[in-house]
């Protein structure tokens, strides 16, 4: 893991005449990793452009009484379309494409 480090000294000016030293740690270390990419650690190794953002997905479409989604998918990227159809003996009202 890559870390950044920064230090500070309380010497400019040094405390005097009843002044106090700086409060807190003189060294600060923190990870340089972007938390938005944490999920990528669980994937197979790949080379990718770090400016690429993951595809946002929607929840699975709700169940339809007396009908179903044509060509269901495991994931539904934002902006994708789904088409509902009715089981035999039933008709849909409205646009079947959402």
Protein backbone atom coordinates (compact mmCIF):
# COMPACT_ATOMS: atom_id res chain seq x y z
CA UNK A 1 0.00 0.00 0.00
CA UNK A 2 1.18 3.46 -0.83
CA UNK A 3 1.08 5.98 1.99
CA UNK A 4 1.73 9.67 2.20
CA UNK A 5 3.60 11.08 5.16
CA UNK A 6 3.72 14.62 6.45
CA UNK A 7 5.59 15.98 9.44
CA UNK A 8 5.42 19.17 11.41
CA UNK A 9 7.71 20.80 13.93
CA UNK A 10 6.72 23.35 16.50
CA UNK A 11 9.92 25.39 16.08
CA UNK A 12 9.05 28.46 14.05
CA UNK A 13 9.06 30.14 16.47
CA UNK A 14 9.87 27.72 19.26
CA UNK A 15 7.55 28.02 22.28
CA UNK A 16 8.84 30.37 24.99
CA UNK A 17 7.63 32.71 27.73
CA UNK A 18 5.03 30.19 28.90
CA UNK A 19 4.08 29.08 25.38
CA UNK A 20 3.25 25.45 24.79
CA UNK A 21 4.46 22.86 22.34
CA UNK A 22 2.16 21.84 19.51
CA UNK A 23 -0.57 19.38 20.44
CA UNK A 24 -0.88 16.13 18.52
CA UNK A 25 1.39 13.90 16.52
CA UNK A 26 4.39 15.30 14.67
CA UNK A 27 4.04 12.70 11.89
CA UNK A 28 0.84 11.95 9.95
CA UNK A 29 0.57 8.94 7.62
CA UNK A 30 -2.42 8.09 5.47
CA UNK A 31 -3.22 5.79 2.57
CA UNK A 32 -3.12 7.23 -0.93
CA UNK A 33 -5.69 4.75 -2.20
CA UNK A 34 -9.04 5.95 -3.48
CA UNK A 35 -11.92 4.33 -1.55
CA UNK A 36 -14.06 4.38 -4.72
CA UNK A 37 -11.78 1.71 -6.19
CA UNK A 38 -11.73 -0.62 -3.14
CA UNK A 39 -14.12 -3.06 -4.88
CA UNK A 40 -11.57 -3.56 -7.66
CA UNK A 41 -9.23 -5.37 -5.24
CA UNK A 42 -11.60 -8.33 -5.28
CA UNK A 43 -11.48 -8.68 -9.07
CA UNK A 44 -9.06 -10.67 -11.17
CA UNK A 45 -5.97 -8.60 -12.00
CA UNK A 46 -6.53 -6.28 -14.97
CA UNK A 47 -4.78 -3.25 -16.37
CA UNK A 48 -7.18 -0.33 -16.60
CA UNK A 49 -7.28 3.40 -16.85
CA UNK A 50 -7.72 4.72 -13.28
CA UNK A 51 -10.12 7.38 -14.58
CA UNK A 52 -12.62 4.64 -15.53
CA UNK A 53 -15.57 4.57 -13.18
CA UNK A 54 -17.62 1.43 -12.52
CA UNK A 55 -20.92 1.03 -14.37
CA UNK A 56 -23.87 1.95 -12.17
CA UNK A 57 -26.66 -0.59 -12.10
CA UNK A 58 -30.32 -0.67 -11.13
CA UNK A 59 -32.09 -3.22 -8.97
CA UNK A 60 -33.82 -6.14 -10.66
CA UNK A 61 -37.18 -5.02 -12.09
CA UNK A 62 -40.18 -5.78 -9.87
CA UNK A 63 -42.22 -8.92 -10.48
CA UNK A 64 -45.30 -8.46 -12.65
CA UNK A 65 -48.50 -10.26 -11.70
CA UNK A 66 -49.54 -12.45 -14.66
CA UNK A 67 -46.45 -11.41 -16.60
CA UNK A 68 -42.65 -11.36 -16.71
CA UNK A 69 -39.60 -9.56 -18.12
CA UNK A 70 -38.62 -10.65 -21.61
CA UNK A 71 -34.92 -11.55 -21.85
CA UNK A 72 -34.07 -11.05 -18.14
CA UNK A 73 -30.48 -10.11 -17.25
CA UNK A 74 -28.28 -10.63 -14.19
CA UNK A 75 -27.59 -6.88 -14.02
CA UNK A 76 -29.32 -3.82 -15.43
CA UNK A 77 -26.97 -0.90 -16.17
CA UNK A 78 -28.49 2.56 -15.63
CA UNK A 79 -30.28 3.61 -18.83
CA UNK A 80 -30.97 0.07 -20.08
CA UNK A 81 -34.49 -0.83 -21.17
CA UNK A 82 -36.59 -3.79 -20.13
CA UNK A 83 -39.68 -5.21 -21.79
CA UNK A 84 -42.55 -6.80 -19.92
CA UNK A 85 -44.92 -9.32 -21.44
CA UNK A 86 -48.07 -10.97 -20.13
CA UNK A 87 -48.76 -14.64 -19.63
CA UNK A 88 -51.33 -16.28 -21.91
CA UNK A 89 -54.84 -15.02 -21.32
CA UNK A 90 -53.74 -11.58 -20.08
CA UNK A 91 -53.21 -8.25 -21.86
CA UNK A 92 -50.98 -5.40 -20.77
CA UNK A 93 -52.14 -1.81 -20.41
CA UNK A 94 -49.62 0.90 -21.19
CA UNK A 95 -46.14 0.75 -22.65
CA UNK A 96 -44.49 -2.66 -22.08
CA UNK A 97 -41.01 -1.11 -22.39
CA UNK A 98 -39.54 0.60 -19.33
